[in-house]
N, C-alpha and C. Protein backbone atom coordinates (compact mmCIF):
# COMPACT_ATOMS: atom_id res chain seq x y z
N MET A 1 60.98 -24.61 78.26
CA MET A 1 61.75 -24.17 77.45
C MET A 1 61.83 -25.32 76.13
N GLU A 2 61.74 -26.39 76.78
CA GLU A 2 61.63 -27.81 75.87
C GLU A 2 59.91 -27.41 75.13
N LYS A 3 59.22 -27.75 76.26
CA LYS A 3 57.69 -27.54 76.14
C LYS A 3 57.41 -26.19 74.92
N GLU A 4 58.10 -25.54 75.45
CA GLU A 4 57.65 -24.16 74.11
C GLU A 4 58.36 -24.08 72.54
N GLU A 5 59.27 -24.72 72.59
CA GLU A 5 59.67 -25.16 71.51
C GLU A 5 58.86 -26.21 71.07
N ASN A 6 58.45 -27.16 71.39
CA ASN A 6 57.77 -28.26 71.04
C ASN A 6 56.53 -28.12 70.39
N GLN A 7 55.65 -27.17 71.36
CA GLN A 7 54.43 -26.00 71.06
C GLN A 7 54.71 -25.30 69.77
N ASN A 8 55.71 -24.99 69.26
CA ASN A 8 55.81 -23.91 68.35
C ASN A 8 56.05 -24.66 66.93
N ARG A 9 56.98 -25.98 67.22
CA ARG A 9 56.81 -26.69 66.48
C ARG A 9 56.18 -27.22 65.67
N THR A 10 55.12 -27.48 67.00
CA THR A 10 53.63 -28.32 66.30
C THR A 10 52.71 -26.96 65.56
N PHE A 11 52.91 -25.31 66.05
CA PHE A 11 52.15 -24.92 65.48
C PHE A 11 52.74 -24.66 63.65
N ALA A 12 53.95 -24.58 63.48
CA ALA A 12 54.48 -24.87 62.33
C ALA A 12 54.10 -25.73 61.52
N ASP A 13 54.42 -26.73 62.20
CA ASP A 13 53.19 -28.18 61.19
C ASP A 13 52.05 -27.81 60.53
N GLN A 14 51.39 -27.55 61.79
CA GLN A 14 49.89 -27.25 61.22
C GLN A 14 49.81 -26.27 60.28
N ASN A 15 50.55 -25.70 60.52
CA ASN A 15 50.74 -24.17 59.55
C ASN A 15 51.05 -24.67 57.88
N GLN A 16 51.98 -25.76 57.86
CA GLN A 16 52.22 -25.81 57.10
C GLN A 16 51.56 -27.20 56.16
N ASP A 17 51.01 -27.87 57.26
CA ASP A 17 49.85 -28.74 56.63
C ASP A 17 48.78 -28.31 55.99
N ILE A 18 48.29 -26.62 56.75
CA ILE A 18 47.38 -26.09 55.88
C ILE A 18 47.61 -25.55 54.89
N ALA A 19 48.57 -25.26 54.76
CA ALA A 19 49.14 -24.61 53.70
C ALA A 19 49.33 -25.59 51.98
N LYS A 20 50.01 -26.69 52.61
CA LYS A 20 49.63 -28.12 51.80
C LYS A 20 48.17 -28.08 51.40
N GLU A 21 47.65 -28.02 52.09
CA GLU A 21 45.99 -28.18 51.76
C GLU A 21 45.45 -27.63 50.84
N ALA A 22 45.78 -26.02 51.54
CA ALA A 22 45.24 -25.05 50.31
C ALA A 22 45.76 -25.01 49.63
N GLU A 23 47.17 -25.11 48.55
CA GLU A 23 47.91 -25.43 47.74
C GLU A 23 46.97 -26.57 46.57
N LYS A 24 47.18 -27.77 47.58
CA LYS A 24 46.37 -29.10 46.88
C LYS A 24 45.02 -28.96 46.38
N SER A 25 44.20 -27.90 46.96
CA SER A 25 42.68 -27.14 46.91
C SER A 25 43.15 -26.58 45.59
N GLU A 26 43.69 -25.09 45.39
CA GLU A 26 44.12 -24.79 44.19
C GLU A 26 44.54 -25.06 43.40
N LYS A 27 45.08 -26.48 43.45
CA LYS A 27 45.23 -27.19 41.83
C LYS A 27 44.56 -28.01 41.43
N SER A 28 43.61 -28.36 42.44
CA SER A 28 42.51 -29.35 42.45
C SER A 28 41.54 -28.42 41.42
N SER A 29 41.31 -26.90 41.64
CA SER A 29 40.48 -26.32 41.29
C SER A 29 40.83 -26.31 39.99
N ALA A 30 41.99 -25.60 39.66
CA ALA A 30 42.95 -25.13 38.44
C ALA A 30 42.24 -26.32 37.52
N GLU A 31 42.63 -27.58 38.01
CA GLU A 31 42.48 -28.70 37.01
C GLU A 31 41.33 -28.64 36.90
N GLU A 32 40.13 -28.69 37.71
CA GLU A 32 38.88 -28.76 37.04
C GLU A 32 38.15 -27.61 36.35
N ASN A 33 38.94 -26.48 36.66
CA ASN A 33 38.26 -25.51 35.30
C ASN A 33 38.93 -25.68 34.25
N LYS A 34 40.72 -26.21 33.98
CA LYS A 34 41.19 -26.83 32.65
C LYS A 34 40.32 -27.97 32.19
N GLN A 35 39.85 -28.70 32.74
CA GLN A 35 38.63 -30.03 32.46
C GLN A 35 37.47 -29.49 31.66
N GLU A 36 36.79 -28.58 32.28
CA GLU A 36 35.53 -27.78 32.02
C GLU A 36 36.22 -27.28 30.73
N THR A 37 36.94 -26.40 30.67
CA THR A 37 37.50 -25.49 29.46
C THR A 37 38.08 -26.45 28.07
N ASP A 38 38.68 -27.35 28.75
CA ASP A 38 38.90 -28.83 27.56
C ASP A 38 37.71 -29.12 26.67
N GLN A 39 36.54 -29.35 28.01
CA GLN A 39 35.41 -30.30 27.67
C GLN A 39 34.82 -28.95 26.44
N GLU A 40 34.51 -27.80 27.11
CA GLU A 40 33.62 -26.89 26.03
C GLU A 40 34.55 -26.82 24.98
N LEU A 41 35.63 -26.72 24.62
CA LEU A 41 36.54 -26.51 23.41
C LEU A 41 35.97 -27.58 22.31
N THR A 42 36.13 -28.88 23.34
CA THR A 42 36.20 -30.10 22.43
C THR A 42 34.64 -30.26 22.14
N GLU A 43 33.85 -29.64 22.77
CA GLU A 43 32.20 -29.70 22.19
C GLU A 43 32.25 -28.85 21.00
N GLU A 44 32.73 -27.40 21.45
CA GLU A 44 32.92 -26.36 19.57
C GLU A 44 33.31 -26.96 18.70
N ILE A 45 34.50 -27.79 19.02
CA ILE A 45 35.51 -28.13 17.54
C ILE A 45 34.63 -29.25 17.20
N LYS A 46 33.69 -30.42 17.62
CA LYS A 46 33.17 -31.05 17.85
C LYS A 46 32.61 -31.40 16.15
N GLU A 47 33.22 -32.32 15.18
CA GLU A 47 32.35 -32.07 13.95
C GLU A 47 31.59 -32.65 13.52
N PRO A 48 30.09 -31.87 12.93
CA PRO A 48 28.71 -32.57 12.60
C PRO A 48 29.01 -33.84 12.18
N THR A 49 27.96 -34.51 12.75
CA THR A 49 27.85 -35.71 11.51
C THR A 49 27.13 -35.34 10.10
N PRO A 50 27.49 -36.49 9.58
CA PRO A 50 26.92 -36.77 8.10
C PRO A 50 25.42 -35.88 7.96
N GLU A 51 24.61 -36.80 9.11
CA GLU A 51 23.28 -36.85 8.82
C GLU A 51 23.06 -35.42 9.06
N GLU A 52 23.98 -34.61 10.24
CA GLU A 52 23.77 -33.18 10.50
C GLU A 52 23.91 -32.35 9.14
N LYS A 53 24.92 -32.65 8.35
CA LYS A 53 25.16 -31.99 7.27
C LYS A 53 24.37 -31.66 6.14
N ILE A 54 23.79 -32.89 5.95
CA ILE A 54 22.68 -33.41 5.41
C ILE A 54 21.34 -32.77 5.63
N ALA A 55 21.39 -32.40 6.61
CA ALA A 55 20.20 -31.83 6.93
C ALA A 55 20.07 -30.52 6.67
N GLU A 56 21.50 -29.63 7.22
CA GLU A 56 21.56 -28.36 6.97
C GLU A 56 21.89 -28.18 5.64
N LEU A 57 22.19 -29.00 4.74
CA LEU A 57 22.30 -28.62 3.24
C LEU A 57 20.97 -29.09 2.71
N GLU A 58 19.86 -29.28 3.24
CA GLU A 58 18.96 -29.50 2.69
C GLU A 58 17.68 -28.54 3.20
N ASP A 59 18.09 -27.95 4.01
CA ASP A 59 17.58 -26.68 4.56
C ASP A 59 17.88 -25.48 3.72
N LYS A 60 19.03 -25.28 3.63
CA LYS A 60 19.62 -24.05 2.77
C LYS A 60 19.22 -24.59 1.23
N VAL A 61 19.29 -25.25 0.75
CA VAL A 61 18.50 -25.42 -0.56
C VAL A 61 16.96 -25.28 -0.46
N ALA A 62 16.38 -25.72 0.26
CA ALA A 62 14.97 -25.67 0.29
C ALA A 62 14.32 -24.28 0.25
N ARG A 63 15.22 -23.08 1.37
CA ARG A 63 15.15 -21.50 1.43
C ARG A 63 15.62 -20.86 0.32
N THR A 64 16.91 -21.29 -0.21
CA THR A 64 16.68 -20.91 -1.19
C THR A 64 15.64 -21.05 -2.60
N PHE A 65 15.39 -22.34 -2.44
CA PHE A 65 14.21 -22.18 -3.50
C PHE A 65 13.02 -21.61 -3.31
N ALA A 66 12.59 -21.55 -1.95
CA ALA A 66 11.47 -20.55 -1.74
C ALA A 66 11.65 -18.92 -1.99
N GLU A 67 12.89 -18.58 -2.12
CA GLU A 67 13.37 -17.36 -2.38
C GLU A 67 13.32 -17.14 -3.87
N MET A 68 13.91 -18.31 -4.59
CA MET A 68 13.79 -18.08 -5.81
C MET A 68 12.22 -17.82 -6.62
N GLU A 69 11.62 -18.59 -5.57
CA GLU A 69 10.25 -18.78 -6.11
C GLU A 69 9.49 -18.01 -5.95
N ASN A 70 9.71 -16.82 -4.89
CA ASN A 70 9.08 -16.02 -4.72
C ASN A 70 9.43 -14.58 -5.66
N GLN A 71 10.11 -14.60 -5.80
CA GLN A 71 11.38 -13.52 -7.12
C GLN A 71 10.73 -13.79 -8.15
N ARG A 72 10.25 -15.53 -8.79
CA ARG A 72 9.91 -15.55 -9.70
C ARG A 72 8.57 -15.29 -10.11
N ARG A 73 7.82 -15.16 -8.82
CA ARG A 73 6.53 -14.70 -8.93
C ARG A 73 6.12 -12.85 -8.97
N ARG A 74 7.15 -12.61 -8.23
CA ARG A 74 7.22 -10.88 -8.42
C ARG A 74 7.65 -10.65 -9.83
N PHE A 75 8.35 -11.35 -10.14
CA PHE A 75 8.69 -10.72 -11.93
C PHE A 75 7.39 -11.02 -12.87
N GLU A 76 6.74 -11.85 -12.68
CA GLU A 76 5.62 -12.37 -13.21
C GLU A 76 4.48 -11.26 -13.44
N LYS A 77 4.14 -10.55 -12.03
CA LYS A 77 3.25 -9.84 -11.63
C LYS A 77 3.92 -8.42 -12.50
N GLU A 78 5.37 -8.27 -12.11
CA GLU A 78 5.42 -6.92 -12.37
C GLU A 78 5.30 -6.98 -14.40
N LYS A 79 5.80 -7.93 -14.64
CA LYS A 79 5.38 -8.27 -16.11
C LYS A 79 3.87 -7.84 -16.27
N GLU A 80 3.14 -8.66 -15.73
CA GLU A 80 1.66 -8.63 -15.93
C GLU A 80 1.34 -7.33 -16.06
N ASP A 81 1.75 -6.36 -15.15
CA ASP A 81 1.00 -4.79 -14.67
C ASP A 81 1.79 -3.87 -15.92
N ALA A 82 2.73 -4.32 -15.76
CA ALA A 82 3.47 -3.38 -17.41
C ALA A 82 2.71 -3.73 -18.88
N PHE A 83 2.40 -5.17 -18.56
CA PHE A 83 1.53 -5.64 -19.97
C PHE A 83 0.06 -4.76 -20.17
N GLU A 84 -0.25 -4.55 -18.89
CA GLU A 84 -1.66 -4.85 -18.37
C GLU A 84 -2.02 -3.13 -18.47
N TYR A 85 -1.52 -2.72 -17.91
CA TYR A 85 -1.12 -1.01 -17.66
C TYR A 85 -0.22 -0.38 -17.63
N GLY A 86 0.74 -0.87 -18.96
CA GLY A 86 1.78 -0.17 -19.21
C GLY A 86 1.40 1.66 -20.23
N GLY A 87 0.16 1.66 -20.65
CA GLY A 87 -0.32 2.71 -20.91
C GLY A 87 -1.46 3.55 -20.44
N TYR A 88 -0.75 3.60 -18.70
CA TYR A 88 -1.81 4.05 -17.79
C TYR A 88 -1.67 5.70 -17.98
N SER A 89 -0.43 5.88 -18.36
CA SER A 89 -0.03 7.45 -17.78
C SER A 89 -0.49 8.26 -19.49
N PHE A 90 -0.23 7.30 -20.60
CA PHE A 90 -0.34 7.93 -21.86
C PHE A 90 -2.01 7.90 -21.99
N ALA A 91 -3.04 7.00 -21.45
CA ALA A 91 -4.36 7.15 -21.61
C ALA A 91 -4.86 8.16 -20.87
N LYS A 92 -4.27 8.50 -19.39
CA LYS A 92 -4.90 9.55 -18.39
C LYS A 92 -4.50 10.83 -19.61
N GLU A 93 -3.56 10.99 -20.09
CA GLU A 93 -3.19 12.48 -20.67
C GLU A 93 -4.33 12.28 -21.82
N ALA A 94 -4.61 10.94 -22.61
CA ALA A 94 -4.80 11.34 -23.89
C ALA A 94 -6.67 11.70 -23.57
N LEU A 95 -7.09 11.37 -22.71
CA LEU A 95 -8.54 12.10 -22.00
C LEU A 95 -8.86 13.55 -22.04
N ASN A 96 -7.81 14.14 -22.27
CA ASN A 96 -7.75 15.34 -22.44
C ASN A 96 -8.06 16.06 -23.76
N LEU A 97 -8.00 15.09 -24.63
CA LEU A 97 -8.60 15.59 -25.87
C LEU A 97 -9.87 15.49 -25.92
N ILE A 98 -10.94 14.27 -25.28
CA ILE A 98 -12.22 14.41 -25.58
C ILE A 98 -12.47 15.71 -24.53
N ASP A 99 -11.89 16.20 -23.47
CA ASP A 99 -12.22 17.27 -22.46
C ASP A 99 -12.11 18.93 -23.47
N ASN A 100 -11.26 18.63 -24.60
CA ASN A 100 -10.74 19.80 -25.56
C ASN A 100 -12.16 20.04 -26.39
N LEU A 101 -12.52 18.28 -27.05
CA LEU A 101 -13.65 18.52 -27.83
C LEU A 101 -14.70 18.82 -27.27
N ASP A 102 -14.84 18.69 -25.74
CA ASP A 102 -16.38 18.74 -25.46
C ASP A 102 -16.11 20.63 -24.93
N ARG A 103 -15.11 20.86 -24.67
CA ARG A 103 -15.12 22.43 -24.24
C ARG A 103 -14.88 23.06 -25.86
N SER A 104 -14.55 23.24 -26.84
CA SER A 104 -15.00 23.75 -28.15
C SER A 104 -16.16 23.62 -28.43
N LYS A 105 -16.91 22.25 -28.14
CA LYS A 105 -18.29 22.56 -28.74
C LYS A 105 -19.26 23.13 -27.86
N HIS A 106 -18.73 23.43 -26.82
CA HIS A 106 -19.74 24.01 -25.45
C HIS A 106 -19.47 25.81 -26.33
N VAL A 107 -17.94 25.89 -26.69
CA VAL A 107 -17.76 27.27 -26.91
C VAL A 107 -18.49 27.80 -28.03
N LEU A 108 -18.84 26.76 -29.19
CA LEU A 108 -19.52 26.99 -30.79
C LEU A 108 -20.98 27.39 -30.44
N GLU A 109 -21.28 26.39 -29.68
CA GLU A 109 -23.11 26.52 -29.25
C GLU A 109 -23.49 27.81 -28.57
N SER A 110 -22.30 28.16 -28.09
CA SER A 110 -22.59 29.92 -27.37
C SER A 110 -22.66 31.16 -27.97
N ASP A 111 -21.78 30.70 -29.18
CA ASP A 111 -21.57 31.81 -29.97
C ASP A 111 -22.90 32.37 -30.92
N ASP A 112 -23.15 33.39 -30.11
CA ASP A 112 -24.48 33.84 -30.58
C ASP A 112 -24.60 33.92 -32.18
N LYS A 113 -23.03 34.49 -32.97
CA LYS A 113 -23.00 34.76 -34.49
C LYS A 113 -23.50 33.61 -35.11
N LEU A 114 -22.85 31.80 -34.19
CA LEU A 114 -22.96 30.82 -35.15
C LEU A 114 -24.22 30.25 -34.92
N LYS A 115 -25.01 30.66 -34.32
CA LYS A 115 -26.31 29.86 -33.59
C LYS A 115 -27.39 29.75 -34.76
N ASP A 116 -27.78 28.58 -34.68
CA ASP A 116 -28.83 28.18 -36.29
C ASP A 116 -28.40 28.04 -37.30
N THR A 117 -26.77 27.86 -37.90
CA THR A 117 -26.34 28.48 -39.08
C THR A 117 -25.80 26.88 -39.48
N ASN A 118 -25.73 26.44 -40.62
CA ASN A 118 -25.49 25.24 -41.44
C ASN A 118 -23.71 24.95 -40.89
N ALA A 119 -23.15 26.22 -40.98
CA ALA A 119 -22.04 25.93 -40.67
C ALA A 119 -21.40 25.23 -39.22
N LEU A 120 -22.46 25.91 -38.12
CA LEU A 120 -22.20 24.98 -37.09
C LEU A 120 -23.04 23.84 -36.69
N LYS A 121 -24.18 23.56 -37.49
CA LYS A 121 -24.15 22.39 -37.16
C LYS A 121 -23.29 21.24 -37.69
N LYS A 122 -22.50 21.61 -39.12
CA LYS A 122 -21.29 20.60 -39.94
C LYS A 122 -20.40 20.53 -38.69
N THR A 123 -20.19 21.25 -38.13
CA THR A 123 -18.94 21.84 -37.08
C THR A 123 -19.44 20.98 -35.96
N LEU A 124 -20.26 20.89 -35.56
CA LEU A 124 -20.74 20.04 -34.46
C LEU A 124 -20.52 18.69 -34.50
N GLU A 125 -21.36 18.39 -35.93
CA GLU A 125 -21.54 16.86 -36.52
C GLU A 125 -20.00 16.55 -36.33
N HIS A 126 -18.86 17.14 -36.94
CA HIS A 126 -17.63 16.37 -37.07
C HIS A 126 -16.94 16.56 -35.25
N LEU A 127 -17.21 17.23 -34.53
CA LEU A 127 -16.49 17.39 -33.54
C LEU A 127 -17.33 15.93 -32.77
N ASP A 128 -18.61 15.20 -33.17
CA ASP A 128 -19.22 14.44 -32.44
C ASP A 128 -18.41 13.03 -33.28
N ILE A 129 -18.82 12.81 -34.19
CA ILE A 129 -17.66 11.67 -34.89
C ILE A 129 -16.75 11.58 -34.47
N ILE A 130 -15.69 12.72 -34.28
CA ILE A 130 -14.25 12.55 -33.54
C ILE A 130 -14.17 11.79 -32.73
N LYS A 131 -15.52 12.55 -31.18
CA LYS A 131 -15.11 12.38 -30.19
C LYS A 131 -15.53 10.36 -29.92
N LYS A 132 -16.44 10.28 -30.78
CA LYS A 132 -17.33 8.86 -31.14
C LYS A 132 -15.95 7.93 -31.44
N ASP A 133 -15.18 8.18 -32.19
CA ASP A 133 -14.05 7.59 -33.20
C ASP A 133 -12.95 7.29 -31.69
N LEU A 134 -12.52 8.41 -30.95
CA LEU A 134 -11.58 8.44 -29.56
C LEU A 134 -12.31 7.56 -28.52
N ILE A 135 -13.56 7.58 -28.16
CA ILE A 135 -13.95 6.82 -27.56
C ILE A 135 -14.05 5.08 -27.78
N SER A 136 -14.28 5.21 -29.15
CA SER A 136 -13.75 3.54 -29.89
C SER A 136 -13.02 3.28 -29.62
N ILE A 137 -12.07 3.73 -29.73
CA ILE A 137 -10.15 3.29 -29.68
C ILE A 137 -10.16 3.37 -28.43
N PHE A 138 -10.49 4.13 -27.37
CA PHE A 138 -10.67 3.56 -26.07
C PHE A 138 -10.61 2.65 -25.43
N GLU A 139 -11.91 2.43 -25.87
CA GLU A 139 -12.55 0.83 -25.13
C GLU A 139 -12.04 -0.24 -26.14
N LYS A 140 -11.36 -0.30 -27.50
CA LYS A 140 -10.58 -1.30 -27.73
C LYS A 140 -8.96 -1.81 -27.03
N ASN A 141 -9.01 -0.66 -26.05
CA ASN A 141 -7.67 -0.91 -24.99
C ASN A 141 -8.48 -0.83 -24.06
N ASN A 142 -9.33 -1.41 -23.61
CA ASN A 142 -9.76 -1.54 -22.29
C ASN A 142 -9.99 -0.16 -21.51
N ILE A 143 -9.81 0.88 -22.05
CA ILE A 143 -10.20 2.42 -21.53
C ILE A 143 -12.04 2.43 -21.68
N LYS A 144 -12.55 2.65 -20.69
CA LYS A 144 -14.09 2.64 -20.98
C LYS A 144 -14.43 3.94 -20.20
N PRO A 145 -15.68 4.44 -20.73
CA PRO A 145 -16.35 5.56 -19.89
C PRO A 145 -16.92 5.25 -19.05
N ILE A 146 -17.37 5.82 -17.66
CA ILE A 146 -17.99 5.41 -16.27
C ILE A 146 -19.61 5.91 -16.71
N ASP A 147 -20.48 4.82 -16.42
CA ASP A 147 -21.89 5.05 -16.86
C ASP A 147 -22.33 5.51 -15.19
N CYS A 148 -22.96 7.00 -15.03
CA CYS A 148 -23.28 7.32 -14.02
C CYS A 148 -24.36 7.83 -13.65
N LEU A 149 -25.05 8.58 -14.55
CA LEU A 149 -26.49 9.23 -14.39
C LEU A 149 -27.10 8.11 -13.82
N ASN A 150 -28.13 8.88 -12.84
CA ASN A 150 -29.08 8.24 -12.25
C ASN A 150 -28.76 6.89 -11.18
N LYS A 151 -27.13 7.02 -11.28
CA LYS A 151 -27.14 6.18 -9.64
C LYS A 151 -26.25 6.61 -8.41
N LYS A 152 -26.49 5.90 -7.59
CA LYS A 152 -25.71 6.58 -6.45
C LYS A 152 -24.44 6.44 -6.59
N LEU A 153 -24.46 7.95 -5.78
CA LEU A 153 -22.98 8.32 -5.51
C LEU A 153 -21.64 6.94 -5.55
N ASP A 154 -20.61 6.98 -6.21
CA ASP A 154 -19.74 5.82 -5.21
C ASP A 154 -18.29 6.49 -5.15
N PRO A 155 -17.66 6.44 -4.29
CA PRO A 155 -16.46 7.42 -4.01
C PRO A 155 -15.29 6.71 -4.70
N ASN A 156 -15.61 5.40 -5.02
CA ASN A 156 -14.50 4.62 -5.34
C ASN A 156 -14.22 5.15 -7.50
N PHE A 157 -15.51 5.65 -7.82
CA PHE A 157 -15.64 6.50 -9.13
C PHE A 157 -16.34 7.42 -9.18
N HIS A 158 -16.68 8.49 -8.71
CA HIS A 158 -17.48 9.57 -8.75
C HIS A 158 -16.92 10.18 -7.29
N GLN A 159 -16.69 11.77 -8.25
CA GLN A 159 -16.41 12.95 -7.38
C GLN A 159 -17.49 13.56 -7.16
N ALA A 160 -18.24 13.88 -6.40
CA ALA A 160 -18.74 15.24 -6.31
C ALA A 160 -18.89 16.46 -5.89
N MET A 161 -19.39 17.27 -7.03
CA MET A 161 -18.35 18.52 -6.91
C MET A 161 -20.20 19.67 -6.78
N MET A 162 -20.78 19.25 -6.44
CA MET A 162 -22.05 20.16 -6.12
C MET A 162 -23.32 19.49 -5.79
N GLU A 163 -24.47 19.98 -5.18
CA GLU A 163 -25.81 19.74 -4.50
C GLU A 163 -27.07 19.96 -5.14
N ILE A 164 -27.76 19.23 -6.00
CA ILE A 164 -28.96 20.11 -6.70
C ILE A 164 -30.47 19.82 -5.82
N GLU A 165 -31.13 20.45 -5.55
CA GLU A 165 -32.22 19.70 -5.17
C GLU A 165 -33.22 18.92 -6.17
N ASP A 166 -33.79 18.52 -5.51
CA ASP A 166 -34.70 17.53 -6.56
C ASP A 166 -35.27 16.40 -5.60
N ASP A 167 -36.75 16.53 -5.63
CA ASP A 167 -37.26 15.56 -4.71
C ASP A 167 -37.83 14.54 -5.66
N THR A 168 -37.58 14.34 -7.01
CA THR A 168 -37.89 13.35 -7.53
C THR A 168 -36.80 11.96 -7.74
N LYS A 169 -35.58 12.51 -6.88
CA LYS A 169 -34.73 12.06 -6.96
C LYS A 169 -34.33 11.07 -5.37
N GLU A 170 -33.71 10.03 -5.30
CA GLU A 170 -33.32 9.87 -3.44
C GLU A 170 -32.24 10.81 -3.71
N PRO A 171 -32.09 11.47 -2.33
CA PRO A 171 -30.87 12.24 -2.03
C PRO A 171 -29.48 11.39 -2.29
N GLY A 172 -28.40 11.69 -2.99
CA GLY A 172 -27.17 11.11 -3.12
C GLY A 172 -27.03 10.60 -4.80
N THR A 173 -28.29 10.76 -5.46
CA THR A 173 -28.25 10.28 -7.17
C THR A 173 -27.63 11.23 -7.62
N ILE A 174 -26.85 10.68 -8.72
CA ILE A 174 -26.19 11.58 -9.56
C ILE A 174 -27.22 12.10 -10.69
N ILE A 175 -27.52 13.34 -10.68
CA ILE A 175 -28.21 13.96 -12.12
C ILE A 175 -27.57 14.82 -13.01
N GLN A 176 -25.96 14.96 -12.38
CA GLN A 176 -25.44 15.73 -13.33
C GLN A 176 -23.83 15.52 -13.85
N GLU A 177 -23.46 14.95 -15.25
CA GLU A 177 -21.87 14.94 -15.04
C GLU A 177 -21.62 15.95 -15.66
N ILE A 178 -20.54 16.39 -14.80
CA ILE A 178 -19.55 17.69 -15.22
C ILE A 178 -18.11 17.20 -16.22
N GLN A 179 -17.86 16.48 -15.95
CA GLN A 179 -16.50 15.90 -16.52
C GLN A 179 -16.44 14.23 -16.66
N LYS A 180 -16.65 13.23 -17.72
CA LYS A 180 -16.98 11.87 -17.98
C LYS A 180 -15.45 11.69 -17.26
N GLY A 181 -15.75 10.20 -16.08
CA GLY A 181 -14.78 9.19 -16.06
C GLY A 181 -14.45 8.58 -16.63
N PHE A 182 -12.87 7.67 -16.29
CA PHE A 182 -12.84 6.60 -17.07
C PHE A 182 -12.15 5.45 -16.25
N THR A 183 -12.52 4.37 -16.51
CA THR A 183 -11.58 3.13 -16.30
C THR A 183 -10.81 2.74 -17.31
N ILE A 184 -9.59 1.98 -16.58
CA ILE A 184 -8.84 1.16 -17.75
C ILE A 184 -8.50 -0.27 -16.64
N LYS A 185 -9.44 -1.33 -17.85
CA LYS A 185 -9.33 -2.59 -17.09
C LYS A 185 -10.15 -2.62 -15.77
N ASP A 186 -9.75 -3.15 -14.71
CA ASP A 186 -10.23 -2.96 -13.34
C ASP A 186 -9.84 -1.94 -12.77
N ARG A 187 -8.92 -0.74 -13.30
CA ARG A 187 -8.49 0.29 -12.32
C ARG A 187 -9.12 1.73 -12.75
N LEU A 188 -9.15 2.76 -11.76
CA LEU A 188 -9.39 3.88 -12.23
C LEU A 188 -8.64 4.90 -12.68
N LEU A 189 -9.20 5.37 -14.06
CA LEU A 189 -8.32 6.40 -14.25
C LEU A 189 -8.50 7.58 -14.00
N ARG A 190 -9.45 8.20 -14.11
CA ARG A 190 -10.04 9.48 -12.98
C ARG A 190 -11.60 9.29 -13.04
N PRO A 191 -11.95 9.67 -12.00
CA PRO A 191 -12.94 9.60 -11.58
C PRO A 191 -14.34 10.89 -12.14
N SER A 192 -15.51 10.07 -12.32
CA SER A 192 -16.25 11.33 -13.11
C SER A 192 -17.24 12.29 -12.29
N LEU A 193 -16.78 13.58 -12.45
CA LEU A 193 -17.12 14.81 -11.26
C LEU A 193 -18.73 14.89 -12.20
N VAL A 194 -18.98 15.34 -10.79
CA VAL A 194 -20.42 15.29 -10.63
C VAL A 194 -21.26 15.97 -9.74
N GLY A 195 -22.75 16.21 -10.19
CA GLY A 195 -23.54 16.89 -9.46
C GLY A 195 -24.52 15.45 -8.82
N VAL A 196 -25.05 15.84 -7.31
CA VAL A 196 -26.05 14.79 -6.75
C VAL A 196 -27.24 15.61 -6.24
N SER A 197 -27.82 14.74 -6.36
CA SER A 197 -29.11 15.44 -5.99
C SER A 197 -29.67 15.12 -4.03
N LYS A 198 -30.13 16.18 -3.63
CA LYS A 198 -30.61 16.61 -2.43
C LYS A 198 -32.10 16.61 -1.91
N LYS A 199 -32.46 16.87 -0.74
CA LYS A 199 -33.98 17.08 -0.20
C LYS A 199 -33.68 18.32 -0.79
N VAL A 200 -35.12 18.85 -1.02
CA VAL A 200 -35.22 20.29 -1.47
C VAL A 200 -35.76 20.93 0.10
N THR A 201 -35.44 21.92 0.29
CA THR A 201 -35.60 22.86 1.40
C THR A 201 -36.81 23.88 1.25
N THR A 202 -37.91 23.51 2.29
CA THR A 202 -39.07 24.03 2.36
C THR A 202 -38.62 25.36 2.64
N LYS A 203 -39.66 26.34 2.40
CA LYS A 203 -39.23 27.74 3.27
C LYS A 203 -39.43 27.82 4.80
N GLU A 204 -40.17 27.17 5.32
CA GLU A 204 -40.20 26.70 6.62
C GLU A 204 -39.20 26.71 7.33
N GLU A 205 -38.28 25.08 6.48
CA GLU A 205 -37.30 24.64 7.08
C GLU A 205 -35.87 25.99 6.84
N LYS A 206 -36.26 26.32 6.16
CA LYS A 206 -34.94 27.65 5.73
C LYS A 206 -35.19 28.82 6.99
N THR A 207 -36.38 28.90 7.30
CA THR A 207 -36.93 29.99 8.29
C THR A 207 -35.95 29.72 9.58
N GLU A 208 -36.28 28.18 9.78
CA GLU A 208 -35.74 27.78 10.88
C GLU A 208 -34.02 27.82 10.88
N GLU A 209 -33.46 27.46 10.07
CA GLU A 209 -32.35 27.32 10.37
C GLU A 209 -31.76 28.91 10.22
N ASN A 210 -32.42 29.98 9.39
CA ASN A 210 -31.84 31.23 9.74
C ASN A 210 -31.99 31.76 11.43
N GLN A 211 -33.47 31.26 12.09
CA GLN A 211 -33.56 31.36 12.98
C GLN A 211 -32.33 30.99 14.10
N GLU A 212 -31.66 29.61 13.96
CA GLU A 212 -30.99 28.95 14.49
C GLU A 212 -29.27 29.49 14.37
N ILE A 213 -29.15 30.33 13.59
CA ILE A 213 -28.19 30.72 13.23
C ILE A 213 -27.41 31.94 14.60
N PRO A 214 -28.33 32.80 14.62
CA PRO A 214 -27.95 33.53 15.93
C PRO A 214 -27.73 32.52 17.30
N GLU A 215 -28.79 31.99 17.20
CA GLU A 215 -28.36 31.34 18.69
C GLU A 215 -27.46 30.69 18.86
N ASN A 216 -26.58 29.70 17.86
CA ASN A 216 -25.49 29.29 17.87
C ASN A 216 -24.48 30.42 17.88
N LYS A 217 -24.52 31.43 17.36
CA LYS A 217 -23.82 32.40 17.83
C LYS A 217 -23.55 33.05 19.33
């Protein structure tokens, strides 16, 4: 009996020792976690040095200056564009005056009752004078007509409206001006509407084309 009691006491003592060790381990772990947390908080709350503050302020000043400089350049560009091209819309609308003069001239020239009359001759002369004055005013304001006849088609300034068979010109050469185009400074105000040359199709080529059409169908 005494042996069993001693044995039970030994087991109890061992359990107590284990429990104490576990408690110590938990306390040690908790203290370590607390120390790590305190260290992290200390690092977060750590006040930057004067050198770090100066470097941060210098960076902010440099960024602010760069933004101000970019904004100044944008304003300058917008001001230049407004000065250079502010009348773009007005100029484009004003071109209708030249178009209407050309239409009026064409109508008068096509009128059989007015043909070969002094009235028609004088009227056409006055219309030409008005047109020349308008173009002169445009040119003084950097609005210039596009010279396109006998030149290669350029999609940046010309718009082809038709093809005309002509073996005397290289294909793609402008041989007819339907409506005059204009530029304002270095910008296109409106393209020239033109007719361009193409190779003359012979009878044999036309026959071959006509024979190929049923086969394709």
